[in-house]
C-alpha atoms as a PDB file:
ATOM      1  CA  MET A   1       3.799  33.665 -42.390  1.00  0.00           C
ATOM      2  CA  ALA A   2       6.675  31.238 -41.810  1.00  0.00           C
ATOM      3  CA  ARG A   3      10.015  32.711 -40.866  1.00  0.00           C
ATOM      4  CA  ASN A   4      12.705  32.301 -43.506  1.00  0.00           C
ATOM      5  CA  LYS A   5      15.500  30.167 -42.020  1.00  0.00           C
ATOM      6  CA  ALA A   6      18.062  31.982 -44.183  1.00  0.00           C
ATOM      7  CA  LEU A   7      17.353  35.165 -42.192  1.00  0.00           C
ATOM      8  CA  THR A   8      17.740  33.498 -38.779  1.00  0.00           C
ATOM      9  CA  PRO A   9      21.174  34.286 -37.388  1.00  0.00           C
ATOM     10  CA  PRO A  10      23.334  31.324 -36.406  1.00  0.00           C
ATOM     11  CA  HIS A  11      23.650  30.602 -32.711  1.00  0.00           C
ATOM     12  CA  PHE A  12      26.941  29.776 -31.054  1.00  0.00           C
ATOM     13  CA  ILE A  13      27.900  28.642 -27.557  1.00  0.00           C
ATOM     14  CA  CYS A  14      30.407  30.594 -25.437  1.00  0.00           C
ATOM     15  CA  GLU A  15      33.224  28.259 -24.421  1.00  0.00           C
ATOM     16  CA  THR A  16      33.615  30.021 -21.063  1.00  0.00           C
ATOM     17  CA  CYS A  17      30.069  30.370 -19.682  1.00  0.00           C
ATOM     18  CA  GLY A  18      28.038  28.177 -22.056  1.00  0.00           C
ATOM     19  CA  LYS A  19      25.672  31.002 -23.028  1.00  0.00           C
ATOM     20  CA  GLU A  20      24.028  30.845 -26.456  1.00  0.00           C
ATOM     21  CA  THR A  21      24.818  33.905 -28.559  1.00  0.00           C
ATOM     22  CA  THR A  22      24.790  35.103 -32.151  1.00  0.00           C
ATOM     23  CA  ARG A  23      28.358  36.428 -31.953  1.00  0.00           C
ATOM     24  CA  LEU A  24      31.623  35.140 -30.474  1.00  0.00           C
ATOM     25  CA  ARG A  25      34.963  36.911 -30.031  1.00  0.00           C
ATOM     26  CA  ARG A  26      38.592  35.901 -29.673  1.00  0.00           C
ATOM     27  CA  ASP A  27      41.788  37.893 -29.337  1.00  0.00           C
ATOM     28  CA  VAL A  28      44.688  36.473 -31.285  1.00  0.00           C
ATOM     29  CA  LEU A  29      47.158  39.370 -31.183  1.00  0.00           C
ATOM     30  CA  ASP A  30      47.157  42.232 -28.699  1.00  0.00           C
ATOM     31  CA  ILE A  31      49.604  44.251 -26.627  1.00  0.00           C
ATOM     32  CA  LYS A  32      52.063  41.696 -25.230  1.00  0.00           C
ATOM     33  CA  TYR A  33      49.706  38.869 -26.224  1.00  0.00           C
ATOM     34  CA  ASN A  34      50.092  36.340 -29.013  1.00  0.00           C
ATOM     35  CA  ALA A  35      47.689  33.403 -29.264  1.00  0.00           C
ATOM     36  CA  LEU A  36      48.516  32.384 -32.831  1.00  0.00           C
ATOM     37  CA  GLY A  37      49.822  29.016 -31.639  1.00  0.00           C
ATOM     38  CA  LYS A  38      47.021  28.384 -29.138  1.00  0.00           C
ATOM     39  CA  THR A  39      43.865  26.369 -29.674  1.00  0.00           C
ATOM     40  CA  PRO A  40      41.016  28.800 -30.503  1.00  0.00           C
ATOM     41  CA  PHE A  41      38.785  29.582 -27.511  1.00  0.00           C
ATOM     42  CA  TRP A  42      35.629  31.531 -28.356  1.00  0.00           C
ATOM     43  CA  ASN A  43      33.758  33.794 -25.923  1.00  0.00           C
ATOM     44  CA  CYS A  44      30.504  35.742 -25.762  1.00  0.00           C
ATOM     45  CA  GLU A  45      30.860  39.524 -25.470  1.00  0.00           C
ATOM     46  CA  GLU A  46      30.671  39.544 -21.652  1.00  0.00           C
ATOM     47  CA  CYS A  47      33.261  36.792 -21.149  1.00  0.00           C
ATOM     48  CA  TYR A  48      35.509  38.303 -23.822  1.00  0.00           C
ATOM     49  CA  GLU A  49      35.513  41.725 -22.107  1.00  0.00           C
ATOM     50  CA  LYS A  50      36.140  40.178 -18.678  1.00  0.00           C
ATOM     51  CA  LYS A  51      39.028  38.003 -19.888  1.00  0.00           C
ATOM     52  CA  ARG A  52      40.575  40.819 -21.929  1.00  0.00           C
ATOM     53  CA  THR A  53      40.427  43.216 -18.975  1.00  0.00           C
ATOM     54  CA  GLU A  54      42.007  40.604 -16.685  1.00  0.00           C
ATOM     55  CA  ARG A  55      44.767  39.899 -19.218  1.00  0.00           C
ATOM     56  CA  LEU A  56      45.565  43.593 -19.699  1.00  0.00           C
ATOM     57  CA  LEU A  57      45.636  44.221 -15.926  1.00  0.00           C
ATOM     58  CA  LYS A  58      47.977  41.273 -15.440  1.00  0.00           C
ATOM     59  CA  ALA A  59      50.282  42.530 -18.217  1.00  0.00           C
ATOM     60  CA  THR A  60      50.314  45.999 -16.627  1.00  0.00           C
ATOM     61  CA  GLU A  61      51.172  44.548 -13.208  1.00  0.00           C
ATOM     62  CA  LEU A  62      53.990  42.448 -14.662  1.00  0.00           C
ATOM     63  CA  GLU A  63      55.349  45.481 -16.499  1.00  0.00           C
ATOM     64  CA  ARG A  64      55.336  47.535 -13.277  1.00  0.00           C
ATOM     65  CA  GLU A  65      57.128  44.757 -11.396  1.00  0.00           C
ATOM     66  CA  ALA A  66      59.760  44.479 -14.114  1.00  0.00           C
ATOM     67  CA  SER A  67      60.402  48.216 -14.186  1.00  0.00           C
ATOM     68  CA  SER A  68      60.709  48.463 -10.388  1.00  0.00           C
ATOM     69  CA  SER A  69      63.308  45.660 -10.200  1.00  0.00           C
END
């Protein structure tokens, strides 16, 4: 039996690692983060989690530096 194309999920390409995936993610607004004016950059789940973690750690470090000054 032929597979119905309507049931095949779309495939997307992560703009960070180039991996093919069925789902992409992008943060637009987050704690101390606003990307509303930025060009959209879409990531697979792994790249999204890595970038988000890095961004949150950087924000935490900057906050600590500001409070210790």
